[in-house]
Amino acid sequence: MLGHPVAHSLSPVLHLAAYAGLGLAWSYERYDVDEAGLPAFVEGLDGSWAGLSLTMPLKEVVRPLLDRVDPVAHLTGAVNTVVLGPEGRSGWNTDVEGVSVALDEQGAGTGPSAVLGGGATARSAAAALVQRGSSDVVVVARRPEAALPVAEVVERLGAAATVLPWDAAADVLGREVVVSTVPKGAADHLAPHVVPGAGCLLDVVYDPWPTPLAAAWAAAGGPVASGLDMLLHQAVRQVELMTGLRPDTERMRRALLAAAAAR
C-alpha cells in the first residue's frame, strides 16, 4: 500500500486475511510515498513484487509509469491498483467495483442519484452509479471546477449529469442513492436535512463511524453503507487481480471489522 499519509490504512488487514485464506505466504505492507517519490519507488521494484495498492495522492500521478491501463481506470482517470507481471505494469480501478457491491449489499436502487465531492473517489462513484443503471446523476462539490470531471464521467457513460454548488447539497438528499466522498466533517452539516424514508447512502468515511450524516440517515429509516464496505469489496477485486484467485470475502470482512473495532 502506497500513499501519503498511509499509516492509518486498514488495507494490510484485508490483504493478509485474504492471503491466509488462500494459503499464500505473501506479505503486504504500507509505504509512505508521496508524488515526488513514486517514480523512483516503482522503478526500484523487482520480480518479487506482485502488485501495489494506491491511495491519495497517487491515484492520478501513477498513470505515466504504467504500460497499460484498464478501461475503467482510463474512464475515471484514477488507478488504485497496479499489477506487476511479465507483460509489465498494468493499472486498474477497483474502487468502482467497491462502490457497486457496497450499494448492492444494501439493496440500493438504480434511480436518480447524487455524488458529493469532486475527487478521484467521486469519479469512481459516478461511474459505479451509472454502471448500476442510474441515468440521472447530480454532482455537488465545494469547488465547481472539481465537479466537472465527475460529470464528464457520467456523460461519457451515456447518462445525464447536473452540477450544483455545495450550498445546494441538502437539496439532493432525497435522491434514491447518495454517495458522499467528502472528507470527515465536511458533510456533517447535512445531517439535519435528511428526509424520512431516505434512499440509500454510501458514506466513504469510516473513522469515526457512524458519521453524523450516516447516523441521521439510519434514524430516518434509510439503508447505509460505510467506507469499510467499499474498502472491503475493492480489496477483494485487488486480491483477485494480484493472485489470480478469488479470496474469501467473509473472512476478509471479519478481519476488517475486528481491526476497525479495535481502533
Protein backbone atom coordinates (compact mmCIF):
# COMPACT_ATOMS: atom_id res chain seq x y z
CA MET A 1 0.00 0.00 0.00
CA LEU A 2 1.48 3.30 -1.12
CA GLY A 3 0.24 6.76 -0.18
CA HIS A 4 0.88 9.86 1.88
CA PRO A 5 -0.16 9.59 4.63
CA VAL A 6 -0.71 5.84 4.79
CA ALA A 7 -0.19 4.73 8.40
CA HIS A 8 -3.96 4.71 9.02
CA SER A 9 -4.73 2.27 6.19
CA LEU A 10 -6.59 -0.94 7.01
CA SER A 11 -5.71 -2.50 3.67
CA PRO A 12 -2.99 -4.74 5.17
CA VAL A 13 -5.62 -6.34 7.40
CA LEU A 14 -7.73 -7.19 4.37
CA HIS A 15 -4.96 -8.48 2.15
CA LEU A 16 -3.25 -10.54 4.83
CA ALA A 17 -6.55 -12.18 5.76
CA ALA A 18 -7.14 -12.99 2.11
CA TYR A 19 -3.66 -14.47 1.63
CA ALA A 20 -4.01 -16.61 4.74
CA GLY A 21 -7.31 -17.96 3.48
CA LEU A 22 -5.75 -18.76 0.12
CA GLY A 23 -2.74 -20.45 1.69
CA LEU A 24 -0.31 -17.89 0.29
CA ALA A 25 2.80 -16.90 2.24
CA TRP A 26 2.65 -13.37 0.86
CA SER A 27 3.43 -10.11 2.62
CA TYR A 28 1.61 -6.78 2.33
CA GLU A 29 2.99 -3.61 3.88
CA ARG A 30 2.45 0.13 4.00
CA TYR A 31 4.94 2.52 2.41
CA ASP A 32 4.65 6.26 2.91
CA VAL A 33 5.34 7.54 -0.61
CA ASP A 34 4.43 10.95 -1.96
CA GLU A 35 4.11 12.12 -5.55
CA ALA A 36 7.75 13.07 -5.84
CA GLY A 37 8.95 9.71 -4.55
CA LEU A 38 6.64 7.49 -6.59
CA PRO A 39 8.69 7.15 -9.83
CA ALA A 40 11.83 6.00 -8.02
CA PHE A 41 9.83 3.57 -5.86
CA VAL A 42 8.12 1.98 -8.86
CA GLU A 43 11.33 1.77 -10.90
CA GLY A 44 13.04 0.03 -7.98
CA LEU A 45 10.61 -2.90 -7.81
CA ASP A 46 11.96 -6.35 -8.64
CA GLY A 47 10.32 -9.61 -9.68
CA SER A 48 9.28 -10.49 -6.14
CA TRP A 49 6.51 -7.87 -6.25
CA ALA A 50 3.03 -8.90 -7.39
CA GLY A 51 1.26 -5.57 -7.13
CA LEU A 52 0.59 -2.27 -5.42
CA SER A 53 -2.43 -0.65 -3.84
CA LEU A 54 -2.53 3.13 -4.15
CA THR A 55 -4.29 5.77 -2.14
CA MET A 56 -4.15 9.54 -2.35
CA PRO A 57 -2.32 11.42 -3.68
CA LEU A 58 -1.03 8.74 -6.08
CA LYS A 59 -4.11 7.54 -7.96
CA GLU A 60 -3.66 10.00 -10.79
CA VAL A 61 0.09 10.58 -10.91
CA VAL A 62 0.92 6.88 -11.34
CA ARG A 63 -0.52 6.67 -14.84
CA PRO A 64 2.61 7.76 -16.78
CA LEU A 65 4.55 4.97 -15.03
CA LEU A 66 2.29 2.21 -16.38
CA ASP A 67 2.43 0.12 -19.53
CA ARG A 68 -1.33 -0.21 -19.79
CA VAL A 69 -4.48 0.98 -18.02
CA ASP A 70 -7.81 -0.85 -17.88
CA PRO A 71 -10.87 0.89 -19.38
CA VAL A 72 -12.42 1.76 -16.02
CA ALA A 73 -9.21 3.38 -14.78
CA HIS A 74 -8.91 5.23 -18.09
CA LEU A 75 -12.51 6.48 -17.82
CA THR A 76 -12.17 7.71 -14.26
CA GLY A 77 -8.57 8.89 -14.51
CA ALA A 78 -7.87 7.06 -11.26
CA VAL A 79 -5.69 3.99 -10.65
CA ASN A 80 -5.81 2.39 -7.22
CA THR A 81 -4.25 -0.95 -8.19
CA VAL A 82 -1.07 -1.82 -10.08
CA VAL A 83 -0.47 -5.40 -11.14
CA LEU A 84 3.11 -6.37 -11.92
CA GLY A 85 3.77 -9.24 -14.30
CA PRO A 86 5.69 -10.48 -17.33
CA GLU A 87 3.87 -8.01 -19.56
CA GLY A 88 4.78 -5.03 -17.41
CA ARG A 89 2.77 -2.76 -15.14
CA SER A 90 -0.98 -2.61 -15.58
CA GLY A 91 -3.21 -0.12 -13.80
CA TRP A 92 -6.71 -0.85 -12.56
CA ASN A 93 -9.53 0.89 -10.73
CA THR A 94 -11.23 -1.42 -8.23
CA ASP A 95 -12.94 1.44 -6.38
CA VAL A 96 -15.79 1.36 -8.90
CA GLU A 97 -16.50 -2.27 -8.07
CA GLY A 98 -16.14 -1.47 -4.38
CA VAL A 99 -18.86 1.17 -4.59
CA SER A 100 -21.13 -1.01 -6.70
CA VAL A 101 -21.00 -4.07 -4.47
CA ALA A 102 -21.37 -1.98 -1.29
CA LEU A 103 -24.55 -0.45 -2.71
CA ASP A 104 -25.82 -3.83 -3.93
CA GLU A 105 -25.45 -5.25 -0.43
CA GLN A 106 -27.78 -2.54 0.88
CA GLY A 107 -30.35 -3.13 -1.83
CA ALA A 108 -29.80 0.32 -3.33
CA GLY A 109 -31.96 1.27 -6.28
CA THR A 110 -30.85 2.47 -9.68
CA GLY A 111 -32.88 5.66 -9.93
CA PRO A 112 -31.84 9.31 -9.60
CA SER A 113 -28.60 9.58 -7.66
CA ALA A 114 -26.12 12.08 -6.31
CA VAL A 115 -22.40 12.28 -5.66
CA LEU A 116 -21.00 14.63 -3.03
CA GLY A 117 -17.41 15.55 -3.82
CA GLY A 118 -15.14 16.16 -6.78
CA GLY A 119 -12.06 13.97 -6.37
CA ALA A 120 -10.91 10.62 -7.71
CA THR A 121 -13.30 8.71 -5.45
CA ALA A 122 -16.19 10.86 -6.68
CA ARG A 123 -15.35 9.94 -10.27
CA SER A 124 -15.30 6.26 -9.33
CA ALA A 125 -18.62 6.62 -7.50
CA ALA A 126 -20.18 8.32 -10.51
CA ALA A 127 -19.05 5.51 -12.80
CA ALA A 128 -20.45 2.92 -10.41
CA LEU A 129 -23.82 4.65 -10.20
CA VAL A 130 -24.25 4.78 -13.97
CA GLN A 131 -22.99 1.24 -14.47
CA ARG A 132 -25.59 0.09 -11.93
CA GLY A 133 -28.31 1.73 -14.00
CA SER A 134 -28.75 5.32 -12.85
CA SER A 135 -29.42 7.62 -15.78
CA ASP A 136 -29.62 10.85 -13.76
CA VAL A 137 -26.69 11.88 -11.55
CA VAL A 138 -26.27 15.16 -9.71
CA VAL A 139 -22.74 16.14 -8.67
CA VAL A 140 -22.27 18.54 -5.77
CA ALA A 141 -18.80 19.80 -4.91
CA ARG A 142 -17.26 22.51 -2.80
CA ARG A 143 -15.29 23.65 -5.85
CA PRO A 144 -17.44 23.73 -9.00
CA GLU A 145 -14.43 23.12 -11.24
CA ALA A 146 -13.76 19.85 -9.42
CA ALA A 147 -17.27 18.62 -10.20
CA LEU A 148 -16.83 18.92 -13.95
CA PRO A 149 -14.62 15.82 -14.41
CA VAL A 150 -17.12 13.82 -12.34
CA ALA A 151 -19.96 14.99 -14.57
CA GLU A 152 -17.86 14.12 -17.62
CA VAL A 153 -17.57 10.51 -16.43
CA VAL A 154 -21.35 10.34 -16.13
CA GLU A 155 -21.89 11.77 -19.60
CA ARG A 156 -19.27 9.56 -21.23
CA LEU A 157 -21.24 6.58 -19.94
CA GLY A 158 -24.41 7.91 -21.56
CA ALA A 159 -26.24 9.33 -18.54
CA ALA A 160 -27.34 12.86 -17.69
CA ALA A 161 -25.23 14.89 -15.27
CA THR A 162 -26.09 18.06 -13.39
CA VAL A 163 -23.54 20.08 -11.40
CA LEU A 164 -24.69 22.00 -8.34
CA PRO A 165 -22.83 24.24 -5.89
CA TRP A 166 -22.01 22.98 -2.40
CA ASP A 167 -24.69 25.11 -0.76
CA ALA A 168 -27.28 23.02 -2.64
CA ALA A 169 -26.09 19.73 -1.13
CA ALA A 170 -29.10 19.44 1.19
CA ASP A 171 -31.40 19.56 -1.82
CA VAL A 172 -30.12 16.26 -3.26
CA LEU A 173 -30.54 14.12 -0.14
CA GLY A 174 -33.94 12.90 -1.34
CA ARG A 175 -32.44 11.12 -4.33
CA GLU A 176 -32.66 7.34 -4.50
CA VAL A 177 -28.92 6.85 -3.98
CA VAL A 178 -26.45 9.32 -2.46
CA VAL A 179 -22.70 8.71 -2.29
CA SER A 180 -20.69 11.07 -0.10
CA THR A 181 -16.99 11.09 -0.96
CA VAL A 182 -16.02 14.19 1.01
CA PRO A 183 -13.59 14.06 3.97
CA LYS A 184 -14.79 13.52 7.51
CA GLY A 185 -16.61 16.52 8.89
CA ALA A 186 -17.37 18.08 5.52
CA ALA A 187 -20.91 16.69 5.28
CA ASP A 188 -21.82 16.84 8.98
CA HIS A 189 -23.97 19.92 8.46
CA LEU A 190 -26.27 17.91 6.18
CA ALA A 191 -27.48 15.59 8.96
CA PRO A 192 -30.50 17.76 9.96
CA HIS A 193 -31.68 17.79 6.33
CA VAL A 194 -32.03 14.02 5.86
CA VAL A 195 -35.56 13.20 4.76
CA PRO A 196 -37.72 10.44 6.32
CA GLY A 197 -37.71 7.23 4.31
CA ALA A 198 -34.45 8.20 2.65
CA GLY A 199 -32.98 6.14 -0.16
CA CYS A 200 -29.56 4.55 0.20
CA LEU A 201 -26.45 6.34 1.44
CA LEU A 202 -22.84 5.32 0.97
CA ASP A 203 -20.56 7.49 3.09
CA VAL A 204 -16.94 6.65 2.27
CA VAL A 205 -15.78 7.88 5.68
CA TYR A 206 -15.34 5.04 8.18
CA ASP A 207 -13.42 6.65 11.02
CA PRO A 208 -15.20 7.85 13.07
CA TRP A 209 -18.33 5.82 12.39
CA PRO A 210 -21.11 6.49 12.14
CA THR A 211 -20.71 9.97 10.79
CA PRO A 212 -23.45 12.44 11.76
CA LEU A 213 -24.85 12.12 8.23
CA ALA A 214 -24.88 8.31 8.38
CA ALA A 215 -26.47 8.31 11.85
CA ALA A 216 -29.22 10.69 10.74
CA TRP A 217 -29.77 8.62 7.60
CA ALA A 218 -30.21 5.41 9.55
CA ALA A 219 -32.52 7.15 12.02
CA ALA A 220 -34.66 8.24 9.08
CA GLY A 221 -35.04 4.62 8.02
CA GLY A 222 -32.66 4.59 5.07
CA PRO A 223 -30.06 1.88 4.38
CA VAL A 224 -26.46 2.96 4.90
CA ALA A 225 -23.14 1.60 3.64
CA SER A 226 -19.83 2.78 5.06
CA GLY A 227 -16.37 3.30 3.69
CA LEU A 228 -15.46 -0.05 5.25
CA ASP A 229 -17.88 -1.77 2.89
CA MET A 230 -16.33 -0.06 -0.11
CA LEU A 231 -12.83 -0.78 1.20
CA LEU A 232 -13.63 -4.46 1.60
CA HIS A 233 -15.01 -5.01 -1.86
CA GLN A 234 -12.37 -3.03 -3.72
CA ALA A 235 -9.77 -5.12 -1.87
CA VAL A 236 -11.47 -8.38 -2.87
CA ARG A 237 -11.01 -7.38 -6.51
CA GLN A 238 -7.43 -6.27 -5.86
CA VAL A 239 -6.52 -9.64 -4.38
CA GLU A 240 -8.14 -11.38 -7.32
CA LEU A 241 -6.13 -9.29 -9.79
CA MET A 242 -2.84 -9.80 -7.96
CA THR A 243 -3.17 -13.51 -7.20
CA GLY A 244 -5.48 -14.83 -9.91
CA LEU A 245 -7.56 -16.39 -7.12
CA ARG A 246 -10.92 -15.46 -5.58
CA PRO A 247 -10.48 -14.74 -1.86
CA ASP A 248 -12.91 -15.45 0.97
CA THR A 249 -14.89 -12.21 1.28
CA GLU A 250 -16.40 -13.07 4.65
CA ARG A 251 -13.01 -13.93 6.12
CA MET A 252 -11.76 -10.53 4.97
CA ARG A 253 -14.87 -8.80 6.35
CA ARG A 254 -14.42 -10.35 9.78
CA ALA A 255 -10.78 -9.29 9.94
CA LEU A 256 -11.62 -5.76 8.81
CA LEU A 257 -14.44 -5.26 11.31
CA ALA A 258 -12.31 -6.59 14.16
CA ALA A 259 -9.45 -4.24 13.28
CA ALA A 260 -11.79 -1.26 12.93
CA ALA A 261 -13.42 -2.02 16.30
CA ALA A 262 -10.03 -2.21 17.99
CA ARG A 263 -9.07 1.32 16.97
